[in-house]
N, C-alpha and C. Protein backbone atom coordinates (compact mmCIF):
# COMPACT_ATOMS: atom_id res chain seq x y z
N MET A 1 89.57 155.91 -24.54
CA MET A 1 88.67 154.91 -24.99
C MET A 1 88.57 153.89 -23.98
N GLY A 2 87.41 153.22 -23.73
CA GLY A 2 87.41 152.19 -22.79
C GLY A 2 87.00 152.66 -21.31
N MET A 3 87.16 154.00 -21.09
CA MET A 3 86.69 154.46 -19.83
C MET A 3 85.25 155.05 -19.91
N LEU A 4 84.44 154.57 -18.92
CA LEU A 4 83.16 155.15 -18.85
C LEU A 4 83.05 156.50 -18.11
N LYS A 5 82.86 157.48 -18.77
CA LYS A 5 82.75 158.74 -18.15
C LYS A 5 81.33 159.16 -17.79
N PRO A 6 81.15 160.10 -16.82
CA PRO A 6 79.83 160.47 -16.29
C PRO A 6 78.86 160.87 -17.35
N TRP A 7 79.36 161.56 -18.40
CA TRP A 7 78.31 162.03 -19.39
C TRP A 7 77.87 160.83 -20.26
N HIS A 8 78.73 159.70 -20.35
CA HIS A 8 78.25 158.49 -21.07
C HIS A 8 77.02 157.82 -20.24
N ILE A 9 77.12 157.87 -18.98
CA ILE A 9 75.99 157.35 -18.09
C ILE A 9 74.74 158.15 -18.34
N ILE A 10 74.92 159.53 -18.31
CA ILE A 10 73.73 160.40 -18.60
C ILE A 10 72.99 160.16 -19.92
N VAL A 11 73.85 159.98 -20.97
CA VAL A 11 73.29 159.65 -22.26
C VAL A 11 72.56 158.27 -22.22
N LEU A 12 73.18 157.39 -21.51
CA LEU A 12 72.44 156.01 -21.49
C LEU A 12 71.15 156.15 -20.74
N VAL A 13 71.08 156.88 -19.64
CA VAL A 13 69.88 157.05 -18.88
C VAL A 13 68.82 157.72 -19.77
N VAL A 14 69.18 158.80 -20.49
CA VAL A 14 68.29 159.53 -21.30
C VAL A 14 67.78 158.54 -22.46
N VAL A 15 68.57 157.79 -22.99
CA VAL A 15 68.12 156.95 -24.05
C VAL A 15 67.18 155.85 -23.51
N VAL A 16 67.45 155.31 -22.28
CA VAL A 16 66.61 154.28 -21.64
C VAL A 16 65.22 154.99 -21.37
N LEU A 17 65.22 156.16 -20.85
CA LEU A 17 64.00 156.92 -20.54
C LEU A 17 63.17 157.09 -21.80
N LEU A 18 63.85 157.35 -22.93
CA LEU A 18 63.02 157.62 -24.08
C LEU A 18 62.47 156.31 -24.72
N LEU A 19 63.26 155.27 -24.60
CA LEU A 19 62.78 153.94 -25.15
C LEU A 19 61.75 153.38 -24.36
N PHE A 20 61.86 153.27 -23.03
CA PHE A 20 60.94 152.57 -22.14
C PHE A 20 59.86 153.37 -21.49
N GLY A 21 60.13 154.58 -21.32
CA GLY A 21 59.19 155.51 -20.52
C GLY A 21 59.41 155.53 -19.06
N ALA A 22 59.03 156.47 -18.39
CA ALA A 22 59.27 156.55 -16.89
C ALA A 22 58.46 155.54 -16.19
N ARG A 23 57.26 155.24 -16.64
CA ARG A 23 56.30 154.36 -15.99
C ARG A 23 56.85 152.87 -16.07
N ARG A 24 57.51 152.47 -17.09
CA ARG A 24 57.91 151.06 -17.13
C ARG A 24 59.24 150.81 -16.52
N LEU A 25 60.03 151.85 -16.15
CA LEU A 25 61.34 151.66 -15.56
C LEU A 25 61.33 150.85 -14.31
N PRO A 26 60.44 151.06 -13.38
CA PRO A 26 60.40 150.32 -12.16
C PRO A 26 60.19 148.79 -12.39
N ASP A 27 59.28 148.46 -13.39
CA ASP A 27 59.04 147.08 -13.67
C ASP A 27 60.27 146.45 -14.30
N LEU A 28 60.86 147.27 -15.18
CA LEU A 28 62.07 146.80 -15.90
C LEU A 28 63.17 146.41 -14.88
N ALA A 29 63.44 147.38 -13.96
CA ALA A 29 64.46 147.22 -12.97
C ALA A 29 64.12 146.01 -12.08
N ARG A 30 62.96 145.83 -11.75
CA ARG A 30 62.48 144.78 -10.87
C ARG A 30 62.82 143.44 -11.61
N SER A 31 62.42 143.34 -12.82
CA SER A 31 62.60 142.08 -13.50
C SER A 31 64.12 141.81 -13.87
N VAL A 32 64.83 142.75 -13.97
CA VAL A 32 66.34 142.57 -14.13
C VAL A 32 66.95 142.11 -12.91
N GLY A 33 66.58 142.68 -11.78
CA GLY A 33 67.01 142.32 -10.44
C GLY A 33 66.60 140.88 -10.15
N GLN A 34 65.37 140.59 -10.41
CA GLN A 34 65.01 139.18 -10.24
C GLN A 34 65.81 138.13 -11.03
N SER A 35 65.97 138.54 -12.36
CA SER A 35 66.77 137.68 -13.20
C SER A 35 68.17 137.48 -12.65
N LEU A 36 68.88 138.58 -12.26
CA LEU A 36 70.15 138.48 -11.74
C LEU A 36 70.25 137.64 -10.40
N LYS A 37 69.15 137.79 -9.66
CA LYS A 37 69.14 136.91 -8.34
C LYS A 37 69.12 135.51 -8.75
N ILE A 38 68.27 135.01 -9.65
CA ILE A 38 68.10 133.68 -10.08
C ILE A 38 69.47 133.18 -10.66
N PHE A 39 70.07 134.01 -11.53
CA PHE A 39 71.28 133.66 -12.20
C PHE A 39 72.33 133.42 -11.14
N LYS A 40 72.50 134.31 -10.13
CA LYS A 40 73.51 134.18 -9.10
C LYS A 40 73.26 132.88 -8.32
N SER A 41 71.98 132.59 -7.98
CA SER A 41 71.75 131.40 -7.16
C SER A 41 72.08 130.05 -7.88
N GLU A 42 71.78 130.15 -9.28
CA GLU A 42 72.09 129.00 -10.07
C GLU A 42 73.56 128.69 -10.22
N VAL A 43 74.35 129.78 -10.37
CA VAL A 43 75.79 129.72 -10.45
C VAL A 43 76.30 129.16 -9.05
N LYS A 44 75.84 129.72 -8.02
CA LYS A 44 76.18 129.27 -6.63
C LYS A 44 75.92 127.79 -6.50
N ASP A 45 74.72 127.25 -6.95
CA ASP A 45 74.38 125.88 -6.80
C ASP A 45 75.31 125.02 -7.52
N LEU A 46 75.72 125.56 -8.78
CA LEU A 46 76.69 124.69 -9.60
C LEU A 46 77.95 124.64 -8.91
N ARG A 47 78.52 125.71 -8.41
CA ARG A 47 79.77 125.68 -7.65
C ARG A 47 79.65 124.83 -6.45
N ASP A 48 78.59 124.84 -5.64
CA ASP A 48 78.42 123.92 -4.63
C ASP A 48 78.39 122.46 -5.00
N ASP A 49 77.76 122.12 -6.06
CA ASP A 49 77.68 120.80 -6.54
C ASP A 49 79.10 120.36 -6.95
N LYS A 50 79.83 121.18 -7.52
CA LYS A 50 81.21 120.81 -7.85
C LYS A 50 82.08 120.67 -6.61
N ASP A 51 81.94 121.55 -5.68
CA ASP A 51 82.63 121.40 -4.38
C ASP A 51 82.31 120.15 -3.55
N ASP A 52 80.99 119.79 -3.64
CA ASP A 52 80.51 118.57 -2.88
C ASP A 52 81.19 117.30 -3.44
N ASP A 53 81.26 117.21 -4.74
CA ASP A 53 81.95 116.03 -5.30
C ASP A 53 83.39 116.07 -5.25
N GLY A 54 84.03 117.11 -5.07
CA GLY A 54 85.42 117.29 -5.04
C GLY A 54 86.04 117.37 -6.36
N HIS A 55 85.26 117.30 -7.36
CA HIS A 55 85.76 117.50 -8.71
C HIS A 55 84.62 117.79 -9.55
N ALA A 56 84.91 118.07 -10.86
CA ALA A 56 83.86 118.33 -11.82
C ALA A 56 83.16 117.05 -12.24
N ALA A 57 82.07 117.14 -12.99
CA ALA A 57 81.20 116.11 -13.35
C ALA A 57 81.86 115.27 -14.53
N LYS A 58 83.12 115.30 -14.65
CA LYS A 58 83.79 114.62 -15.84
C LYS A 58 83.74 113.05 -15.59
N ASP A 59 83.56 112.61 -14.36
CA ASP A 59 83.62 111.17 -14.23
C ASP A 59 82.22 110.61 -14.33
N GLU A 60 81.12 111.40 -14.57
CA GLU A 60 79.80 110.90 -14.88
C GLU A 60 79.77 110.14 -16.21
N ALA A 61 78.69 109.45 -16.38
CA ALA A 61 78.47 108.69 -17.63
C ALA A 61 78.35 109.64 -18.85
N ALA A 62 78.88 109.15 -19.96
CA ALA A 62 78.86 110.03 -21.21
C ALA A 62 77.42 110.27 -21.55
N PRO A 63 77.21 111.53 -22.04
CA PRO A 63 75.84 111.85 -22.50
C PRO A 63 75.35 111.03 -23.64
N TYR A 64 74.08 111.00 -23.76
CA TYR A 64 73.33 110.28 -24.88
C TYR A 64 73.86 110.76 -26.19
N GLY A 65 74.21 109.83 -27.09
CA GLY A 65 74.60 110.19 -28.44
C GLY A 65 76.13 110.23 -28.70
N THR A 66 76.88 109.98 -27.55
CA THR A 66 78.37 110.07 -27.76
C THR A 66 78.83 108.48 -28.11
N THR A 67 79.94 108.50 -28.72
CA THR A 67 80.43 107.20 -29.14
C THR A 67 81.85 107.02 -28.66
N THR A 68 82.22 105.74 -28.42
CA THR A 68 83.51 105.47 -27.92
C THR A 68 84.33 104.89 -29.12
N THR A 69 85.57 104.99 -29.07
CA THR A 69 86.43 104.42 -30.16
C THR A 69 87.38 103.39 -29.59
N ALA A 70 87.97 102.56 -30.40
CA ALA A 70 88.85 101.58 -29.98
C ALA A 70 90.17 102.23 -29.62
N ALA A 71 91.00 101.59 -28.75
CA ALA A 71 92.28 102.16 -28.42
C ALA A 71 93.06 102.14 -29.63
N PRO A 72 94.17 103.06 -29.70
CA PRO A 72 95.09 103.13 -30.86
C PRO A 72 95.81 101.83 -30.95
N GLY A 73 95.99 101.34 -32.13
CA GLY A 73 96.65 100.07 -32.33
C GLY A 73 95.73 98.92 -32.36
N THR A 74 94.42 98.98 -32.06
CA THR A 74 93.48 98.00 -32.04
C THR A 74 92.95 97.75 -33.40
N PRO A 75 93.13 96.52 -33.99
CA PRO A 75 92.73 96.34 -35.28
C PRO A 75 91.14 96.36 -35.40
N THR A 76 90.62 96.97 -36.49
CA THR A 76 89.12 97.08 -36.57
C THR A 76 88.60 96.30 -37.91
N ASN A 77 87.50 95.99 -37.99
CA ASN A 77 86.97 95.32 -39.14
C ASN A 77 86.39 96.27 -40.13
N GLY A 78 86.67 97.58 -40.14
CA GLY A 78 86.15 98.46 -41.16
C GLY A 78 84.89 99.17 -40.80
N THR A 79 84.21 98.57 -39.81
CA THR A 79 82.97 99.29 -39.33
C THR A 79 83.24 100.12 -38.05
N GLY A 80 84.56 100.06 -37.58
CA GLY A 80 84.80 100.74 -36.33
C GLY A 80 84.69 99.91 -35.11
N SER A 81 84.24 98.64 -35.26
CA SER A 81 84.28 97.59 -34.17
C SER A 81 85.57 96.90 -34.14
N PRO A 82 86.12 96.62 -33.01
CA PRO A 82 87.42 95.87 -32.92
C PRO A 82 87.15 94.44 -33.38
N THR A 83 88.22 93.91 -33.95
CA THR A 83 88.06 92.46 -34.42
C THR A 83 88.63 91.60 -33.37
N VAL A 84 88.00 90.34 -33.36
CA VAL A 84 88.29 89.30 -32.40
C VAL A 84 89.14 88.27 -33.09
N PRO A 85 90.14 87.76 -32.39
CA PRO A 85 90.99 86.72 -33.03
C PRO A 85 90.03 85.61 -33.49
N GLY A 86 90.36 85.11 -34.70
CA GLY A 86 89.48 84.08 -35.28
C GLY A 86 88.75 84.62 -36.47
N GLY A 87 88.79 85.98 -36.61
CA GLY A 87 88.22 86.64 -37.85
C GLY A 87 86.65 87.16 -37.65
N SER A 88 86.02 86.88 -36.48
CA SER A 88 84.70 87.40 -36.34
C SER A 88 84.78 88.71 -35.55
N SER A 89 83.78 89.51 -35.73
CA SER A 89 83.77 90.86 -35.10
C SER A 89 82.96 90.72 -33.75
N THR A 90 82.88 91.76 -33.00
CA THR A 90 82.16 91.70 -31.78
C THR A 90 80.79 92.40 -31.99
N SER A 91 80.52 92.70 -33.16
CA SER A 91 79.14 93.26 -33.47
C SER A 91 78.08 92.25 -33.35
N PRO A 92 76.94 92.49 -32.63
CA PRO A 92 75.84 91.53 -32.42
C PRO A 92 75.20 91.09 -33.72
N SER A 93 75.20 91.95 -34.73
CA SER A 93 74.62 91.62 -35.96
C SER A 93 75.32 90.51 -36.74
N ASP A 94 76.62 90.43 -36.45
CA ASP A 94 77.35 89.39 -37.18
C ASP A 94 77.12 88.06 -36.48
N ASP A 95 76.67 87.98 -35.25
CA ASP A 95 76.35 86.72 -34.64
C ASP A 95 75.04 86.10 -35.09
N ALA A 96 74.20 86.87 -35.72
CA ALA A 96 72.89 86.45 -36.05
C ALA A 96 72.98 85.54 -37.30
N PRO A 97 72.15 84.54 -37.43
CA PRO A 97 72.28 83.55 -38.54
C PRO A 97 71.93 84.26 -39.88
N GLN A 98 72.59 83.88 -40.87
CA GLN A 98 72.36 84.51 -42.21
C GLN A 98 71.17 83.73 -42.78
N ARG A 99 70.30 84.40 -43.57
CA ARG A 99 69.23 83.82 -44.22
C ARG A 99 69.40 83.77 -45.72
């Protein structure tokens, strides 16, 4: 099990011929080849980008929608915002006058 024997390949070729027909096989092979070429070039570009920087893109800005949290041991006011000495929070909505 796990070894690909010659008769396995023959069965696969027969199944592919039955499914796609002999006329469509060259087009199918061409499109698979082009897809692999594009995939390999994109992987190479990603590796080159990583090598140019000297490291992965982990130092870039955080993606949209991510949040940051306060350091462990930092007191919070219940909303997740750190509290400031004196009892006020750093949230801009708390600085607005109350009506």
